[in-house]
Protein backbone atom coordinates (compact mmCIF):
# COMPACT_ATOMS: atom_id res chain seq x y z
CA UNK A 1 333.11 188.98 -19.31
CA UNK A 2 330.69 188.68 -16.43
CA UNK A 3 329.62 185.69 -14.35
CA UNK A 4 326.47 185.04 -16.39
CA UNK A 5 328.36 184.78 -19.67
CA UNK A 6 331.08 182.66 -18.08
CA UNK A 7 328.50 180.20 -16.71
CA UNK A 8 326.79 179.92 -20.11
CA UNK A 9 330.13 179.47 -21.90
CA UNK A 10 331.26 176.83 -19.38
CA UNK A 11 327.97 174.92 -19.69
CA UNK A 12 328.18 175.06 -23.48
CA UNK A 13 331.73 173.71 -23.55
CA UNK A 14 330.85 170.87 -21.17
CA UNK A 15 327.77 169.94 -23.22
CA UNK A 16 329.67 169.95 -26.51
CA UNK A 17 332.49 167.92 -25.00
CA UNK A 18 330.11 165.33 -23.57
CA UNK A 19 328.28 165.00 -26.90
CA UNK A 20 331.58 164.43 -28.70
CA UNK A 21 332.60 161.90 -26.07
CA UNK A 22 329.23 160.16 -26.46
CA UNK A 23 329.72 159.90 -30.22
CA UNK A 24 333.32 158.71 -30.16
CA UNK A 25 333.74 156.93 -26.80
CA UNK A 26 330.53 155.82 -25.10
CA UNK A 27 326.88 156.91 -25.08
CA UNK A 28 327.02 156.99 -21.28
CA UNK A 29 328.69 160.41 -21.59
CA UNK A 30 325.20 161.78 -22.33
CA UNK A 31 324.56 161.51 -18.60
CA UNK A 32 326.92 164.49 -18.21
CA UNK A 33 324.86 166.43 -20.76
CA UNK A 34 321.71 165.67 -18.78
CA UNK A 35 323.40 166.71 -15.54
CA UNK A 36 324.45 170.07 -16.98
CA UNK A 37 320.95 170.65 -18.36
CA UNK A 38 319.33 169.82 -15.02
CA UNK A 39 321.77 172.08 -13.21
CA UNK A 40 320.97 174.97 -15.56
CA UNK A 41 317.24 174.38 -15.02
CA UNK A 42 317.64 174.26 -11.24
CA UNK A 43 319.76 177.42 -11.29
CA UNK A 44 317.09 179.26 -13.28
CA UNK A 45 314.52 178.46 -10.58
CA UNK A 46 316.58 178.82 -7.40
CA UNK A 47 319.36 181.21 -8.42
CA UNK A 48 321.92 178.85 -6.83
CA UNK A 49 324.78 177.90 -9.16
CA UNK A 50 328.08 176.46 -7.92
CA UNK A 51 329.86 177.50 -11.13
CA UNK A 52 328.70 181.09 -10.63
CA UNK A 53 330.07 181.06 -7.10
CA UNK A 54 333.45 179.84 -8.39
CA UNK A 55 333.56 182.48 -11.13
CA UNK A 56 332.66 185.13 -8.54
CA UNK A 57 335.60 184.04 -6.38
CA UNK A 58 337.85 184.21 -9.44
CA UNK A 59 337.01 187.91 -9.68
CA UNK A 60 334.52 188.12 -12.54
CA UNK A 61 331.95 190.90 -12.37
CA UNK A 62 328.42 189.95 -11.38
CA UNK A 63 325.74 189.87 -14.03
CA UNK A 64 322.02 190.24 -13.57
CA UNK A 65 321.22 186.52 -13.20
CA UNK A 66 323.78 185.43 -10.61
CA UNK A 67 324.61 188.20 -8.17
């Protein structure tokens, strides 16, 4: 697994978890979904992604998006 795939998997898990929390706990959990979406959008424009930096430090190989 490389950093790009790890970032996408992490974002997907957080989004699914926040949607489930919004359905079963409180609709305010959708704010987390919006935050993840905005962070993905910002990362696509700037190339800066804190999650990618963490996965890099954990030793994952770089992909083509986050190097």
